[in-house]
Structures are given as structure tokens and as C-alpha cells.
Amino acid sequence: MLVGLLAVAMTSGCSSEKKGGTAAEPAGKQGAPAYGDAIVFGSNGDVSGFLTAVTSDAASHDAAGYVFNGLVRYDKDLKLEGELAESWDISPDGKKITFHLRKGVKWHDGAP
């Protein structure tokens, strides 16, 4: 009985008959990423935590960048642009920066 099941499984798996569906697209031609897709992250060390205020290793800071939003970020030309902040003001003495948040920014739990 087991031999019969194995024979059927092997021959059906090697069938030359085409079934419905489409061929996979070549690498680099896939559609746009969808919600829930995975991020593959290469690191120079182990991530010790995501609380960047208390971690000092580069791997943790790099990984946290994929988890948390910042007030500002760099664009493709390495110029500062707002992420959560829509604008910011620097005091004349350079000791105080006031960030103005975008409308609709919420905490991770949905609270405004």
C-alpha cells in the first residue's frame, strides 16, 4: 500500500501536463511590495535591544530605524526632511529646536 502511494505521488509530481496559473516573474520584475512583506536585514552584530536611549551598539540603532519613525530623516540626496515633523525652528542661540508635528500623528497604540 505504501509503495503504491509513493509511486502515485512521484508520478503526479513529475507530470508534464501544465496546470493553471502563471509563470513566476524574473528577479527584479516583481510587483510593488505589499503590506506584510518581510524585511531582510543584514547586520554587523547582534541586536541587543530596541531602546536606543540605553543601547550603544550600531546594530541595535540600525534595526530600530526599521521599527520606529523619527522626527526627521535624510532624503536620497542626504538632505534633512520631515518624517513625523512637518517643520522645525532653531532658536537664535542654537540651543533649542522646536518640532511641529504633522497632522494626524498618533502613538503606537492609536492615541493622538
PDB file of N, CA and C in Angstrom:
ATOM      1  N   MET A   1       0.830  -1.191   0.000  1.00  0.00           N
ATOM      2  CA  MET A   1       0.000   0.000   0.000  1.00  0.00           C
ATOM      3  C   MET A   1       0.872   1.251   0.000  1.00  0.00           C
ATOM      4  N   LEU A   2       1.877   1.291   0.891  1.00  0.00           N
ATOM      5  CA  LEU A   2       2.763   2.444   0.975  1.00  0.00           C
ATOM      6  C   LEU A   2       3.531   2.636  -0.320  1.00  0.00           C
ATOM      7  N   VAL A   3       3.979   1.544  -0.915  1.00  0.00           N
ATOM      8  CA  VAL A   3       4.715   1.617  -2.179  1.00  0.00           C
ATOM      9  C   VAL A   3       3.819   2.192  -3.269  1.00  0.00           C
ATOM     10  N   GLY A   4       2.567   1.800  -3.280  1.00  0.00           N
ATOM     11  CA  GLY A   4       1.613   2.316  -4.267  1.00  0.00           C
ATOM     12  C   GLY A   4       1.395   3.812  -4.111  1.00  0.00           C
ATOM     13  N   LEU A   5       1.239   4.283  -2.881  1.00  0.00           N
ATOM     14  CA  LEU A   5       1.057   5.717  -2.630  1.00  0.00           C
ATOM     15  C   LEU A   5       2.284   6.512  -3.043  1.00  0.00           C
ATOM     16  N   LEU A   6       3.465   5.988  -2.752  1.00  0.00           N
ATOM     17  CA  LEU A   6       4.696   6.672  -3.153  1.00  0.00           C
ATOM     18  C   LEU A   6       4.810   6.745  -4.667  1.00  0.00           C
ATOM     19  N   ALA A   7       4.445   5.677  -5.365  1.00  0.00           N
ATOM     20  CA  ALA A   7       4.511   5.669  -6.827  1.00  0.00           C
ATOM     21  C   ALA A   7       3.571   6.705  -7.418  1.00  0.00           C
ATOM     22  N   VAL A   8       2.356   6.796  -6.895  1.00  0.00           N
ATOM     23  CA  VAL A   8       1.389   7.787  -7.379  1.00  0.00           C
ATOM     24  C   VAL A   8       1.898   9.197  -7.106  1.00  0.00           C
ATOM     25  N   ALA A   9       2.428   9.440  -5.922  1.00  0.00           N
ATOM     26  CA  ALA A   9       2.937  10.764  -5.568  1.00  0.00           C
ATOM     27  C   ALA A   9       4.097  11.165  -6.464  1.00  0.00           C
ATOM     28  N   MET A  10       4.978  10.232  -6.755  1.00  0.00           N
ATOM     29  CA  MET A  10       6.146  10.543  -7.587  1.00  0.00           C
ATOM     30  C   MET A  10       5.741  10.817  -9.028  1.00  0.00           C
ATOM     31  N   THR A  11       4.817  10.054  -9.575  1.00  0.00           N
ATOM     32  CA  THR A  11       4.432  10.260 -10.971  1.00  0.00           C
ATOM     33  C   THR A  11       3.581  11.503 -11.138  1.00  0.00           C
ATOM     34  N   SER A  12       2.750  11.826 -10.173  1.00  0.00           N
ATOM     35  CA  SER A  12       1.942  13.042 -10.296  1.00  0.00           C
ATOM     36  C   SER A  12       2.803  14.280 -10.100  1.00  0.00           C
ATOM     37  N   GLY A  13       3.852  14.181  -9.329  1.00  0.00           N
ATOM     38  CA  GLY A  13       4.749  15.313  -9.127  1.00  0.00           C
ATOM     39  C   GLY A  13       5.624  15.576 -10.332  1.00  0.00           C
ATOM     40  N   CYS A  14       5.801  14.587 -11.191  1.00  0.00           N
ATOM     41  CA  CYS A  14       6.654  14.726 -12.371  1.00  0.00           C
ATOM     42  C   CYS A  14       5.845  14.894 -13.638  1.00  0.00           C
ATOM     43  N   SER A  15       4.591  15.161 -13.530  1.00  0.00           N
ATOM     44  CA  SER A  15       3.716  15.281 -14.688  1.00  0.00           C
ATOM     45  C   SER A  15       4.177  16.408 -15.596  1.00  0.00           C
ATOM     46  N   SER A  16       4.081  16.204 -16.912  1.00  0.00           N
ATOM     47  CA  SER A  16       4.466  17.247 -17.862  1.00  0.00           C
ATOM     48  C   SER A  16       3.282  18.107 -18.241  1.00  0.00           C
ATOM     49  N   GLU A  17       2.102  17.742 -17.782  1.00  0.00           N
ATOM     50  CA  GLU A  17       0.904  18.496 -18.099  1.00  0.00           C
ATOM     51  C   GLU A  17       0.927  19.821 -17.346  1.00  0.00           C
ATOM     52  N   LYS A  18       0.660  20.925 -18.085  1.00  0.00           N
ATOM     53  CA  LYS A  18       0.653  22.238 -17.441  1.00  0.00           C
ATOM     54  C   LYS A  18      -0.682  22.457 -16.765  1.00  0.00           C
ATOM     55  N   LYS A  19      -0.634  23.024 -15.598  1.00  0.00           N
ATOM     56  CA  LYS A  19      -1.847  23.336 -14.858  1.00  0.00           C
ATOM     57  C   LYS A  19      -2.038  24.844 -14.896  1.00  0.00           C
ATOM     58  N   GLY A  20      -3.160  25.331 -14.383  1.00  0.00           N
ATOM     59  CA  GLY A  20      -3.455  26.752 -14.371  1.00  0.00           C
ATOM     60  C   GLY A  20      -2.423  27.542 -13.593  1.00  0.00           C
ATOM     61  N   GLY A  21      -2.459  28.851 -13.749  1.00  0.00           N
ATOM     62  CA  GLY A  21      -1.502  29.705 -13.054  1.00  0.00           C
ATOM     63  C   GLY A  21      -0.565  30.355 -14.048  1.00  0.00           C
ATOM     64  N   THR A  22       0.286  31.197 -13.560  1.00  0.00           N
ATOM     65  CA  THR A  22       1.225  31.902 -14.423  1.00  0.00           C
ATOM     66  C   THR A  22       2.637  31.591 -13.988  1.00  0.00           C
ATOM     67  N   ALA A  23       3.545  31.779 -14.905  1.00  0.00           N
ATOM     68  CA  ALA A  23       4.956  31.557 -14.588  1.00  0.00           C
ATOM     69  C   ALA A  23       5.445  32.651 -13.657  1.00  0.00           C
ATOM     70  N   ALA A  24       6.391  32.317 -12.830  1.00  0.00           N
ATOM     71  CA  ALA A  24       6.972  33.308 -11.920  1.00  0.00           C
ATOM     72  C   ALA A  24       7.705  34.368 -12.725  1.00  0.00           C
ATOM     73  N   GLU A  25       7.631  35.606 -12.257  1.00  0.00           N
ATOM     74  CA  GLU A  25       8.333  36.687 -12.934  1.00  0.00           C
ATOM     75  C   GLU A  25       9.812  36.619 -12.611  1.00  0.00           C
ATOM     76  N   PRO A  26      10.662  37.043 -13.545  1.00  0.00           N
ATOM     77  CA  PRO A  26      12.101  37.043 -13.273  1.00  0.00           C
ATOM     78  C   PRO A  26      12.436  37.978 -12.117  1.00  0.00           C
ATOM     79  N   ALA A  27      13.560  37.717 -11.461  1.00  0.00           N
ATOM     80  CA  ALA A  27      14.003  38.559 -10.345  1.00  0.00           C
ATOM     81  C   ALA A  27      14.091  40.004 -10.802  1.00  0.00           C
ATOM     82  N   GLY A  28      13.664  40.924  -9.973  1.00  0.00           N
ATOM     83  CA  GLY A  28      13.712  42.342 -10.298  1.00  0.00           C
ATOM     84  C   GLY A  28      12.467  42.820 -11.019  1.00  0.00           C
ATOM     85  N   LYS A  29      11.570  41.946 -11.388  1.00  0.00           N
ATOM     86  CA  LYS A  29      10.366  42.319 -12.121  1.00  0.00           C
ATOM     87  C   LYS A  29       9.099  42.122 -11.290  1.00  0.00           C
ATOM     88  N   GLN A  30       9.230  41.812 -10.015  1.00  0.00           N
ATOM     89  CA  GLN A  30       8.067  41.580  -9.179  1.00  0.00           C
ATOM     90  C   GLN A  30       7.269  42.870  -9.041  1.00  0.00           C
ATOM     91  N   GLY A  31       6.012  42.705  -8.630  1.00  0.00           N
ATOM     92  CA  GLY A  31       5.158  43.856  -8.403  1.00  0.00           C
ATOM     93  C   GLY A  31       5.595  44.628  -7.168  1.00  0.00           C
ATOM     94  N   ALA A  32       4.845  45.666  -6.858  1.00  0.00           N
ATOM     95  CA  ALA A  32       5.162  46.508  -5.704  1.00  0.00           C
ATOM     96  C   ALA A  32       5.029  45.702  -4.414  1.00  0.00           C
ATOM     97  N   PRO A  33       5.853  46.010  -3.402  1.00  0.00           N
ATOM     98  CA  PRO A  33       5.737  45.305  -2.120  1.00  0.00           C
ATOM     99  C   PRO A  33       4.337  45.488  -1.546  1.00  0.00           C
ATOM    100  N   ALA A  34       3.836  44.484  -0.902  1.00  0.00           N
ATOM    101  CA  ALA A  34       2.511  44.519  -0.304  1.00  0.00           C
ATOM    102  C   ALA A  34       2.642  44.563   1.212  1.00  0.00           C
ATOM    103  N   TYR A  35       1.610  45.041   1.872  1.00  0.00           N
ATOM    104  CA  TYR A  35       1.581  45.071   3.324  1.00  0.00           C
ATOM    105  C   TYR A  35       1.819  43.665   3.845  1.00  0.00           C
ATOM    106  N   GLY A  36       2.722  43.535   4.789  1.00  0.00           N
ATOM    107  CA  GLY A  36       3.019  42.238   5.364  1.00  0.00           C
ATOM    108  C   GLY A  36       4.229  41.566   4.762  1.00  0.00           C
ATOM    109  N   ASP A  37       4.806  42.159   3.701  1.00  0.00           N
ATOM    110  CA  ASP A  37       6.033  41.590   3.146  1.00  0.00           C
ATOM    111  C   ASP A  37       7.134  41.668   4.192  1.00  0.00           C
ATOM    112  N   ALA A  38       8.153  40.860   4.040  1.00  0.00           N
ATOM    113  CA  ALA A  38       9.233  40.777   5.023  1.00  0.00           C
ATOM    114  C   ALA A  38      10.376  41.719   4.677  1.00  0.00           C
ATOM    115  N   ILE A  39      11.098  42.157   5.687  1.00  0.00           N
ATOM    116  CA  ILE A  39      12.338  42.906   5.518  1.00  0.00           C
ATOM    117  C   ILE A  39      13.467  41.972   5.906  1.00  0.00           C
ATOM    118  N   VAL A  40      14.437  41.835   5.030  1.00  0.00           N
ATOM    119  CA  VAL A  40      15.628  41.054   5.347  1.00  0.00           C
ATOM    120  C   VAL A  40      16.698  42.058   5.730  1.00  0.00           C
ATOM    121  N   PHE A  41      17.227  41.927   6.932  1.00  0.00           N
ATOM    122  CA  PHE A  41      18.149  42.917   7.488  1.00  0.00           C
ATOM    123  C   PHE A  41      19.481  42.259   7.792  1.00  0.00           C
ATOM    124  N   GLY A  42      20.537  42.735   7.152  1.00  0.00           N
ATOM    125  CA  GLY A  42      21.884  42.256   7.452  1.00  0.00           C
ATOM    126  C   GLY A  42      22.531  43.188   8.460  1.00  0.00           C
ATOM    127  N   SER A  43      23.228  42.634   9.419  1.00  0.00           N
ATOM    128  CA  SER A  43      23.782  43.438  10.495  1.00  0.00           C
ATOM    129  C   SER A  43      25.237  43.072  10.747  1.00  0.00           C
ATOM    130  N   ASN A  44      25.953  44.026  11.300  1.00  0.00           N
ATOM    131  CA  ASN A  44      27.353  43.782  11.649  1.00  0.00           C
ATOM    132  C   ASN A  44      27.504  43.177  13.043  1.00  0.00           C
ATOM    133  N   GLY A  45      26.402  42.872  13.694  1.00  0.00           N
ATOM    134  CA  GLY A  45      26.446  42.276  15.030  1.00  0.00           C
ATOM    135  C   GLY A  45      25.052  41.913  15.487  1.00  0.00           C
ATOM    136  N   ASP A  46      24.952  41.418  16.702  1.00  0.00           N
ATOM    137  CA  ASP A  46      23.659  41.053  17.268  1.00  0.00           C
ATOM    138  C   ASP A  46      22.945  42.292  17.786  1.00  0.00           C
ATOM    139  N   VAL A  47      21.636  42.331  17.598  1.00  0.00           N
ATOM    140  CA  VAL A  47      20.814  43.416  18.127  1.00  0.00           C
ATOM    141  C   VAL A  47      20.591  43.143  19.610  1.00  0.00           C
ATOM    142  N   SER A  48      20.959  44.111  20.452  1.00  0.00           N
ATOM    143  CA  SER A  48      20.822  43.912  21.898  1.00  0.00           C
ATOM    144  C   SER A  48      19.525  44.492  22.446  1.00  0.00           C
ATOM    145  N   GLY A  49      18.823  45.295  21.666  1.00  0.00           N
ATOM    146  CA  GLY A  49      17.563  45.873  22.109  1.00  0.00           C
ATOM    147  C   GLY A  49      17.114  46.962  21.162  1.00  0.00           C
ATOM    148  N   PHE A  50      15.893  47.442  21.371  1.00  0.00           N
ATOM    149  CA  PHE A  50      15.350  48.487  20.513  1.00  0.00           C
ATOM    150  C   PHE A  50      15.210  49.824  21.226  1.00  0.00           C
ATOM    151  N   LEU A  51      15.573  49.907  22.490  1.00  0.00           N
ATOM    152  CA  LEU A  51      15.517  51.176  23.218  1.00  0.00           C
ATOM    153  C   LEU A  51      16.829  51.910  22.976  1.00  0.00           C
ATOM    154  N   THR A  52      16.848  52.740  21.954  1.00  0.00           N
ATOM    155  CA  THR A  52      18.102  53.364  21.539  1.00  0.00           C
ATOM    156  C   THR A  52      18.671  54.323  22.579  1.00  0.00           C
ATOM    157  N   ALA A  53      17.864  54.713  23.554  1.00  0.00           N
ATOM    158  CA  ALA A  53      18.385  55.570  24.617  1.00  0.00           C
ATOM    159  C   ALA A  53      19.322  54.809  25.546  1.00  0.00           C
ATOM    160  N   VAL A  54      19.193  53.473  25.595  1.00  0.00           N
ATOM    161  CA  VAL A  54      20.022  52.689  26.504  1.00  0.00           C
ATOM    162  C   VAL A  54      20.926  51.680  25.789  1.00  0.00           C
ATOM    163  N   THR A  55      20.811  51.561  24.475  1.00  0.00           N
ATOM    164  CA  THR A  55      21.712  50.669  23.731  1.00  0.00           C
ATOM    165  C   THR A  55      22.800  51.505  23.085  1.00  0.00           C
ATOM    166  N   SER A  56      23.981  50.942  23.000  1.00  0.00           N
ATOM    167  CA  SER A  56      25.094  51.707  22.433  1.00  0.00           C
ATOM    168  C   SER A  56      25.689  51.065  21.189  1.00  0.00           C
ATOM    169  N   ASP A  57      25.160  49.914  20.776  1.00  0.00           N
ATOM    170  CA  ASP A  57      25.744  49.244  19.614  1.00  0.00           C
ATOM    171  C   ASP A  57      25.051  49.681  18.320  1.00  0.00           C
ATOM    172  N   ALA A  58      25.819  49.706  17.249  1.00  0.00           N
ATOM    173  CA  ALA A  58      25.316  50.154  15.952  1.00  0.00           C
ATOM    174  C   ALA A  58      24.214  49.246  15.423  1.00  0.00           C
ATOM    175  N   ALA A  59      24.326  47.945  15.661  1.00  0.00           N
ATOM    176  CA  ALA A  59      23.327  47.002  15.148  1.00  0.00           C
ATOM    177  C   ALA A  59      21.941  47.315  15.709  1.00  0.00           C
ATOM    178  N   SER A  60      21.858  47.639  16.992  1.00  0.00           N
ATOM    179  CA  SER A  60      20.569  47.953  17.613  1.00  0.00           C
ATOM    180  C   SER A  60      19.994  49.243  17.052  1.00  0.00           C
ATOM    181  N   HIS A  61      20.827  50.241  16.871  1.00  0.00           N
ATOM    182  CA  HIS A  61      20.353  51.513  16.323  1.00  0.00           C
ATOM    183  C   HIS A  61      19.883  51.342  14.885  1.00  0.00           C
ATOM    184  N   ASP A  62      20.607  50.560  14.096  1.00  0.00           N
ATOM    185  CA  ASP A  62      20.203  50.315  12.711  1.00  0.00           C
ATOM    186  C   ASP A  62      18.864  49.587  12.654  1.00  0.00           C
ATOM    187  N   ALA A  63      18.701  48.542  13.452  1.00  0.00           N
ATOM    188  CA  ALA A  63      17.458  47.765  13.452  1.00  0.00           C
ATOM    189  C   ALA A  63      16.284  48.604  13.942  1.00  0.00           C
ATOM    190  N   ALA A  64      16.508  49.451  14.936  1.00  0.00           N
ATOM    191  CA  ALA A  64      15.437  50.299  15.462  1.00  0.00           C
ATOM    192  C   ALA A  64      14.928  51.261  14.395  1.00  0.00           C
ATOM    193  N   GLY A  65      15.791  51.631  13.461  1.00  0.00           N
ATOM    194  CA  GLY A  65      15.375  52.503  12.369  1.00  0.00           C
ATOM    195  C   GLY A  65      14.294  51.894  11.495  1.00  0.00           C
ATOM    196  N   TYR A  66      14.193  50.562  11.472  1.00  0.00           N
ATOM    197  CA  TYR A  66      13.143  49.892  10.717  1.00  0.00           C
ATOM    198  C   TYR A  66      11.858  49.751  11.520  1.00  0.00           C
ATOM    199  N   VAL A  67      11.918  50.025  12.823  1.00  0.00           N
ATOM    200  CA  VAL A  67      10.770  49.827  13.695  1.00  0.00           C
ATOM    201  C   VAL A  67      10.104  51.151  14.060  1.00  0.00           C
ATOM    202  N   PHE A  68      10.902  52.186  14.328  1.00  0.00           N
ATOM    203  CA  PHE A  68      10.382  53.450  14.826  1.00  0.00           C
ATOM    204  C   PHE A  68      10.519  54.555  13.785  1.00  0.00           C
ATOM    205  N   ASN A  69       9.560  55.478  13.797  1.00  0.00           N
ATOM    206  CA  ASN A  69       9.650  56.679  12.980  1.00  0.00           C
ATOM    207  C   ASN A  69      10.424  57.734  13.743  1.00  0.00           C
ATOM    208  N   GLY A  70      11.113  58.590  13.027  1.00  0.00           N
ATOM    209  CA  GLY A  70      11.832  59.691  13.637  1.00  0.00           C
ATOM    210  C   GLY A  70      11.159  61.017  13.328  1.00  0.00           C
ATOM    211  N   LEU A  71      11.615  62.062  13.966  1.00  0.00           N
ATOM    212  CA  LEU A  71      11.089  63.388  13.665  1.00  0.00           C
ATOM    213  C   LEU A  71      11.533  63.832  12.281  1.00  0.00           C
ATOM    214  N   VAL A  72      12.781  63.546  11.946  1.00  0.00           N
ATOM    215  CA  VAL A  72      13.327  63.888  10.631  1.00  0.00           C
ATOM    216  C   VAL A  72      14.079  62.679  10.078  1.00  0.00           C
ATOM    217  N   ARG A  73      14.398  62.729   8.805  1.00  0.00           N
ATOM    218  CA  ARG A  73      15.181  61.680   8.140  1.00  0.00           C
ATOM    219  C   ARG A  73      15.945  62.330   6.999  1.00  0.00           C
ATOM    220  N   TYR A  74      16.825  61.565   6.387  1.00  0.00           N
ATOM    221  CA  TYR A  74      17.556  62.040   5.223  1.00  0.00           C
ATOM    222  C   TYR A  74      16.860  61.557   3.961  1.00  0.00           C
ATOM    223  N   ASP A  75      16.782  62.436   2.952  1.00  0.00           N
ATOM    224  CA  ASP A  75      16.236  62.011   1.667  1.00  0.00           C
ATOM    225  C   ASP A  75      17.337  61.356   0.839  1.00  0.00           C
ATOM    226  N   LYS A  76      17.048  61.017  -0.414  1.00  0.00           N
ATOM    227  CA  LYS A  76      18.025  60.305  -1.245  1.00  0.00           C
ATOM    228  C   LYS A  76      19.261  61.140  -1.539  1.00  0.00           C
ATOM    229  N   ASP A  77      19.162  62.465  -1.384  1.00  0.00           N
ATOM    230  CA  ASP A  77      20.311  63.348  -1.597  1.00  0.00           C
ATOM    231  C   ASP A  77      20.982  63.736  -0.283  1.00  0.00           C
ATOM    232  N   LEU A  78      20.633  63.041   0.796  1.00  0.00           N
ATOM    233  CA  LEU A  78      21.178  63.266   2.142  1.00  0.00           C
ATOM    234  C   LEU A  78      20.866  64.657   2.691  1.00  0.00           C
ATOM    235  N   LYS A  79      19.696  65.165   2.333  1.00  0.00           N
ATOM    236  CA  LYS A  79      19.208  66.423   2.897  1.00  0.00           C
ATOM    237  C   LYS A  79      18.121  66.078   3.910  1.00  0.00           C
ATOM    238  N   LEU A  80      18.082  66.824   5.013  1.00  0.00           N
ATOM    239  CA  LEU A  80      17.063  66.570   6.034  1.00  0.00           C
ATOM    240  C   LEU A  80      15.678  66.888   5.501  1.00  0.00           C
ATOM    241  N   GLU A  81      14.737  65.999   5.813  1.00  0.00           N
ATOM    242  CA  GLU A  81      13.333  66.242   5.500  1.00  0.00           C
ATOM    243  C   GLU A  81      12.510  65.756   6.684  1.00  0.00           C
ATOM    244  N   GLY A  82      11.327  66.297   6.830  1.00  0.00           N
ATOM    245  CA  GLY A  82      10.472  65.887   7.931  1.00  0.00           C
ATOM    246  C   GLY A  82       9.932  64.483   7.737  1.00  0.00           C
ATOM    247  N   GLU A  83       9.843  63.740   8.823  1.00  0.00           N
ATOM    248  CA  GLU A  83       9.156  62.442   8.794  1.00  0.00           C
ATOM    249  C   GLU A  83       7.896  62.588   9.641  1.00  0.00           C
ATOM    250  N   LEU A  84       8.020  62.627  10.960  1.00  0.00           N
ATOM    251  CA  LEU A  84       6.876  62.939  11.811  1.00  0.00           C
ATOM    252  C   LEU A  84       6.704  64.450  11.970  1.00  0.00           C
ATOM    253  N   ALA A  85       7.784  65.191  11.823  1.00  0.00           N
ATOM    254  CA  ALA A  85       7.731  66.652  11.923  1.00  0.00           C
ATOM    255  C   ALA A  85       7.501  67.238  10.534  1.00  0.00           C
ATOM    256  N   GLU A  86       6.590  68.209  10.445  1.00  0.00           N
ATOM    257  CA  GLU A  86       6.398  68.873   9.159  1.00  0.00           C
ATOM    258  C   GLU A  86       7.315  70.088   9.036  1.00  0.00           C
ATOM    259  N   SER A  87       7.751  70.609  10.182  1.00  0.00           N
ATOM    260  CA  SER A  87       8.707  71.720  10.172  1.00  0.00           C
ATOM    261  C   SER A  87       9.367  71.800  11.544  1.00  0.00           C
ATOM    262  N   TRP A  88      10.416  72.615  11.640  1.00  0.00           N
ATOM    263  CA  TRP A  88      11.108  72.806  12.906  1.00  0.00           C
ATOM    264  C   TRP A  88      11.786  74.165  12.893  1.00  0.00           C
ATOM    265  N   ASP A  89      11.934  74.722  14.092  1.00  0.00           N
ATOM    266  CA  ASP A  89      12.574  76.026  14.276  1.00  0.00           C
ATOM    267  C   ASP A  89      13.757  75.858  15.215  1.00  0.00           C
ATOM    268  N   ILE A  90      14.850  76.523  14.896  1.00  0.00           N
ATOM    269  CA  ILE A  90      16.046  76.504  15.745  1.00  0.00           C
ATOM    270  C   ILE A  90      16.190  77.883  16.366  1.00  0.00           C
ATOM    271  N   SER A  91      16.359  77.931  17.686  1.00  0.00           N
ATOM    272  CA  SER A  91      16.492  79.211  18.386  1.00  0.00           C
ATOM    273  C   SER A  91      17.753  79.937  17.912  1.00  0.00           C
ATOM    274  N   PRO A  92      17.790  81.267  18.043  1.00  0.00           N
ATOM    275  CA  PRO A  92      18.958  82.038  17.595  1.00  0.00           C
ATOM    276  C   PRO A  92      20.274  81.584  18.224  1.00  0.00           C
ATOM    277  N   ASP A  93      20.243  81.109  19.477  1.00  0.00           N
ATOM    278  CA  ASP A  93      21.486  80.658  20.112  1.00  0.00           C
ATOM    279  C   ASP A  93      21.830  79.205  19.749  1.00  0.00           C
ATOM    280  N   GLY A  94      20.946  78.526  18.982  1.00  0.00           N
ATOM    281  CA  GLY A  94      21.206  77.162  18.535  1.00  0.00           C
ATOM    282  C   GLY A  94      21.042  76.101  19.608  1.00  0.00           C
ATOM    283  N   LYS A  95      20.465  76.468  20.761  1.00  0.00           N
ATOM    284  CA  LYS A  95      20.352  75.519  21.871  1.00  0.00           C
ATOM    285  C   LYS A  95      18.974  74.872  21.983  1.00  0.00           C
ATOM    286  N   LYS A  96      18.027  75.335  21.190  1.00  0.00           N
ATOM    287  CA  LYS A  96      16.668  74.814  21.304  1.00  0.00           C
ATOM    288  C   LYS A  96      16.101  74.580  19.905  1.00  0.00           C
ATOM    289  N   ILE A  97      15.527  73.393  19.709  1.00  0.00           N
ATOM    290  CA  ILE A  97      14.854  73.076  18.446  1.00  0.00           C
ATOM    291  C   ILE A  97      13.402  72.758  18.774  1.00  0.00           C
ATOM    292  N   THR A  98      12.481  73.436  18.119  1.00  0.00           N
ATOM    293  CA  THR A  98      11.057  73.193  18.302  1.00  0.00           C
ATOM    294  C   THR A  98      10.533  72.487  17.059  1.00  0.00           C
ATOM    295  N   PHE A  99       9.998  71.271  17.249  1.00  0.00           N
ATOM    296  CA  PHE A  99       9.454  70.497  16.134  1.00  0.00           C
ATOM    297  C   PHE A  99       7.941  70.667  16.090  1.00  0.00           C
ATOM    298  N   HIS A 100       7.405  70.855  14.901  1.00  0.00           N
ATOM    299  CA  HIS A 100       5.966  70.952  14.679  1.00  0.00           C
ATOM    300  C   HIS A 100       5.535  69.669  13.968  1.00  0.00           C
ATOM    301  N   LEU A 101       4.718  68.853  14.654  1.00  0.00           N
ATOM    302  CA  LEU A 101       4.332  67.546  14.118  1.00  0.00           C
ATOM    303  C   LEU A 101       3.294  67.666  13.009  1.00  0.00           C
ATOM    304  N   ARG A 102       3.339  66.700  12.100  1.00  0.00           N
ATOM    305  CA  ARG A 102       2.328  66.605  11.055  1.00  0.00           C
ATOM    306  C   ARG A 102       0.964  66.377  11.697  1.00  0.00           C
ATOM    307  N   LYS A 103      -0.080  66.744  11.008  1.00  0.00           N
ATOM    308  CA  LYS A 103      -1.440  66.475  11.475  1.00  0.00           C
ATOM    309  C   LYS A 103      -1.684  64.967  11.413  1.00  0.00           C
ATOM    310  N   GLY A 104      -2.375  64.434  12.392  1.00  0.00           N
ATOM    311  CA  GLY A 104      -2.744  63.029  12.394  1.00  0.00           C
ATOM    312  C   GLY A 104      -1.702  62.084  12.964  1.00  0.00           C
ATOM    313  N   VAL A 105      -0.591  62.593  13.488  1.00  0.00           N
ATOM    314  CA  VAL A 105       0.425  61.720  14.082  1.00  0.00           C
ATOM    315  C   VAL A 105      -0.135  61.138  15.376  1.00  0.00           C
ATOM    316  N   LYS A 106       0.025  59.808  15.530  1.00  0.00           N
ATOM    317  CA  LYS A 106      -0.501  59.129  16.718  1.00  0.00           C
ATOM    318  C   LYS A 106       0.580  58.272  17.349  1.00  0.00           C
ATOM    319  N   TRP A 107       0.390  57.925  18.621  1.00  0.00           N
ATOM    320  CA  TRP A 107       1.266  56.992  19.316  1.00  0.00           C
ATOM    321  C   TRP A 107       1.016  55.595  18.775  1.00  0.00           C
ATOM    322  N   HIS A 108       1.883  54.655  19.110  1.00  0.00           N
ATOM    323  CA  HIS A 108       1.766  53.287  18.600  1.00  0.00           C
ATOM    324  C   HIS A 108       0.446  52.614  18.968  1.00  0.00           C
ATOM    325  N   ASP A 109      -0.185  53.068  20.058  1.00  0.00           N
ATOM    326  CA  ASP A 109      -1.456  52.468  20.480  1.00  0.00           C
ATOM    327  C   ASP A 109      -2.667  53.183  19.885  1.00  0.00           C
ATOM    328  N   GLY A 110      -2.428  54.153  19.005  1.00  0.00           N
ATOM    329  CA  GLY A 110      -3.514  54.861  18.343  1.00  0.00           C
ATOM    330  C   GLY A 110      -3.939  56.142  19.024  1.00  0.00           C
ATOM    331  N   ALA A 111      -3.384  56.444  20.211  1.00  0.00           N
ATOM    332  CA  ALA A 111      -3.742  57.673  20.919  1.00  0.00           C
ATOM    333  C   ALA A 111      -3.136  58.879  20.204  1.00  0.00           C
ATOM    334  N   PRO A 112      -3.899  59.973  20.108  1.00  0.00           N
ATOM    335  CA  PRO A 112      -3.361  61.188  19.445  1.00  0.00           C
ATOM    336  C   PRO A 112      -2.281  61.866  20.266  1.00  0.00           C
TER     337      PRO A 112
END
